C-alpha cells in the first residue's frame, strides 16, 4: 500500500488557542503547490484525513482542490502535535488504505516516517519536513523499518 503523510502548511504563529491557528497566505499557496505536485506525479489520494486543527483542515482542503477532486477530508482525533507519535501511528494504521493522505503535524510526522522507513523515530528524515511537505511511503505493515520512502514533495 502507498500512503501520503503530509505536514500542514504555514500557519499564523499565534492565536487565542493553538487549535485555531489558520493558514497564512503563504501557507495557502504552499498547500496548493504541494497538491499540484502530487497530482502531476500521479499520487491521487482515494481518501483524505486530517487532524482536528484548523491549519491541517485548511491544508487538506487546498490539496484536494489542487487535485481537482471532490473528496471531503475526514477529521481524526489523536494526530495533533501534543499526541504521542506511536499512538498517532496506530490511528493512522487503523484508517489507512492504499493511496490515503494524512495531513497532520510535526514532530509526530517525522517520528512516524523515521520509525516506518528506518526503524528509528529519531531518524533525521530528509528532506526536512518544512511546512506542506508530503512524504510518500510504500509499506505492507506498520512495523519498524518496513516502509520505503518513495517520494517527497515540498512547495
Protein backbone atom coordinates (compact mmCIF):
# COMPACT_ATOMS: atom_id res chain seq x y z
CA UNK A 1 0.00 0.00 0.00
CA UNK A 2 1.08 3.59 -0.58
CA UNK A 3 0.25 6.32 1.89
CA UNK A 4 0.92 10.04 1.85
CA UNK A 5 1.90 11.67 5.14
CA UNK A 6 1.88 15.46 4.98
CA UNK A 7 2.67 18.35 7.27
CA UNK A 8 0.20 21.23 7.30
CA UNK A 9 1.21 24.48 5.57
CA UNK A 10 2.49 27.64 7.22
CA UNK A 11 0.10 28.96 9.85
CA UNK A 12 -0.06 32.19 11.80
CA UNK A 13 2.29 31.90 14.79
CA UNK A 14 -0.27 32.86 17.42
CA UNK A 15 -3.99 32.62 18.03
CA UNK A 16 -6.08 32.64 21.20
CA UNK A 17 -5.94 28.84 21.03
CA UNK A 18 -3.37 26.70 19.16
CA UNK A 19 -6.18 24.71 17.57
CA UNK A 20 -7.44 27.92 15.92
CA UNK A 21 -4.22 28.87 14.12
CA UNK A 22 -5.15 29.47 10.49
CA UNK A 23 -3.01 29.32 7.37
CA UNK A 24 -1.19 32.40 6.19
CA UNK A 25 -1.48 33.49 2.55
CA UNK A 26 1.93 31.84 2.02
CA UNK A 27 0.60 28.67 3.68
CA UNK A 28 -2.36 28.57 1.34
CA UNK A 29 -0.04 28.81 -1.66
CA UNK A 30 2.20 26.08 -0.20
CA UNK A 31 -0.70 23.64 0.18
CA UNK A 32 -1.87 24.27 -3.37
CA UNK A 33 1.67 23.89 -4.70
CA UNK A 34 2.24 20.55 -2.96
CA UNK A 35 -1.18 19.35 -4.12
CA UNK A 36 -0.31 20.27 -7.70
CA UNK A 37 2.99 18.40 -7.45
CA UNK A 38 1.23 15.30 -6.10
CA UNK A 39 -1.24 15.44 -8.97
CA UNK A 40 1.48 15.83 -11.62
CA UNK A 41 3.34 12.85 -10.13
CA UNK A 42 0.18 10.71 -10.15
CA UNK A 43 -0.25 10.49 -6.37
CA UNK A 44 -4.01 10.99 -6.18
CA UNK A 45 -5.44 10.03 -2.80
CA UNK A 46 -8.51 7.83 -2.55
CA UNK A 47 -9.32 9.22 0.90
CA UNK A 48 -8.05 12.20 2.92
CA UNK A 49 -7.70 12.50 6.68
CA UNK A 50 -6.58 15.47 8.75
CA UNK A 51 -6.14 16.41 12.37
CA UNK A 52 -8.61 18.41 14.40
CA UNK A 53 -6.53 21.58 13.99
CA UNK A 54 -7.84 24.27 11.62
CA UNK A 55 -4.48 24.58 9.84
CA UNK A 56 -4.46 20.87 8.96
CA UNK A 57 -8.08 21.02 7.76
CA UNK A 58 -7.36 24.06 5.59
CA UNK A 59 -4.27 22.37 4.14
CA UNK A 60 -6.27 19.23 3.32
CA UNK A 61 -8.99 21.28 1.61
CA UNK A 62 -6.45 23.17 -0.52
CA UNK A 63 -4.62 19.99 -1.54
CA UNK A 64 -7.93 18.40 -2.52
CA UNK A 65 -8.78 21.48 -4.59
CA UNK A 66 -5.37 21.36 -6.33
CA UNK A 67 -6.04 17.70 -7.16
CA UNK A 68 -9.34 18.70 -8.80
CA UNK A 69 -11.06 16.25 -6.50
CA UNK A 70 -14.42 16.33 -4.78
CA UNK A 71 -13.18 14.42 -1.72
CA UNK A 72 -14.01 15.73 1.74
CA UNK A 73 -11.38 15.26 4.46
CA UNK A 74 -12.28 13.16 7.47
CA UNK A 75 -11.12 14.65 10.76
CA UNK A 76 -9.21 12.32 13.09
CA UNK A 77 -8.62 12.77 16.79
CA UNK A 78 -5.21 11.84 18.14
CA UNK A 79 -2.83 13.14 15.45
CA UNK A 80 -2.04 16.61 16.84
CA UNK A 81 1.38 17.94 17.87
CA UNK A 82 0.71 17.09 21.51
CA UNK A 83 -0.14 13.45 20.82
CA UNK A 84 2.28 10.57 21.23
CA UNK A 85 3.72 9.53 17.87
CA UNK A 86 3.22 5.79 18.47
CA UNK A 87 -0.44 6.27 19.39
CA UNK A 88 -0.86 8.58 16.39
CA UNK A 89 0.69 5.95 14.13
CA UNK A 90 -1.81 3.39 15.45
CA UNK A 91 -4.64 5.75 14.49
CA UNK A 92 -3.17 6.20 11.02
CA UNK A 93 -2.71 2.43 10.65
CA UNK A 94 -6.33 1.81 11.64
CA UNK A 95 -7.58 4.23 8.95
CA UNK A 96 -5.03 3.75 6.18
CA UNK A 97 -5.97 2.32 2.81
CA UNK A 98 -3.97 2.40 -0.39
CA UNK A 99 -3.50 5.95 -1.64
CA UNK A 100 -4.69 7.60 1.58
CA UNK A 101 -3.46 11.07 2.56
CA UNK A 102 -3.00 12.17 6.17
CA UNK A 103 -2.43 15.87 6.92
CA UNK A 104 -1.11 16.49 10.41
CA UNK A 105 1.82 17.93 12.37
CA UNK A 106 5.40 17.95 13.47
CA UNK A 107 7.06 16.44 15.41
CA UNK A 108 4.95 13.29 15.09
CA UNK A 109 5.12 13.34 11.28
CA UNK A 110 8.86 12.74 11.05
CA UNK A 111 8.83 10.44 14.07
CA UNK A 112 6.37 8.18 12.24
CA UNK A 113 8.26 8.42 8.93
CA UNK A 114 11.56 7.69 10.72
CA UNK A 115 10.08 4.71 12.55
CA UNK A 116 8.46 3.21 9.46
CA UNK A 117 11.28 3.85 6.98
CA UNK A 118 14.35 3.49 9.20
CA UNK A 119 13.15 1.75 12.36
CA UNK A 120 14.02 4.83 14.41
CA UNK A 121 11.56 7.60 15.37
CA UNK A 122 14.53 9.89 15.97
CA UNK A 123 15.99 9.37 12.48
CA UNK A 124 16.87 12.63 10.72
CA UNK A 125 14.38 12.43 7.84
CA UNK A 126 15.38 14.13 4.59
CA UNK A 127 14.15 16.22 3.05
CA UNK A 128 13.26 18.09 6.23
CA UNK A 129 9.57 18.48 6.99
CA UNK A 130 9.14 22.15 6.16
CA UNK A 131 5.51 23.27 6.05
CA UNK A 132 3.47 21.46 3.36
CA UNK A 133 5.99 18.63 2.91
CA UNK A 134 4.39 15.37 1.76
CA UNK A 135 6.14 12.01 2.13
CA UNK A 136 5.05 9.01 0.05
CA UNK A 137 5.60 5.69 1.83
CA UNK A 138 5.19 2.20 0.39
CA UNK A 139 4.53 -0.41 3.07
CA UNK A 140 2.83 -3.70 3.76
CA UNK A 141 2.86 -3.31 7.55
CA UNK A 142 3.27 -0.56 10.11
CA UNK A 143 6.44 -2.09 11.54
CA UNK A 144 9.85 -0.55 12.26
CA UNK A 145 11.81 -0.20 9.02
CA UNK A 146 9.06 -1.87 6.95
CA UNK A 147 8.34 1.14 4.72
CA UNK A 148 10.17 2.58 1.75
CA UNK A 149 10.19 6.33 1.28
CA UNK A 150 9.40 6.52 -2.44
CA UNK A 151 8.96 10.26 -2.76
CA UNK A 152 8.80 13.60 -1.05
CA UNK A 153 7.24 16.81 -2.29
CA UNK A 154 7.74 20.32 -0.98
CA UNK A 155 6.31 23.66 -2.03
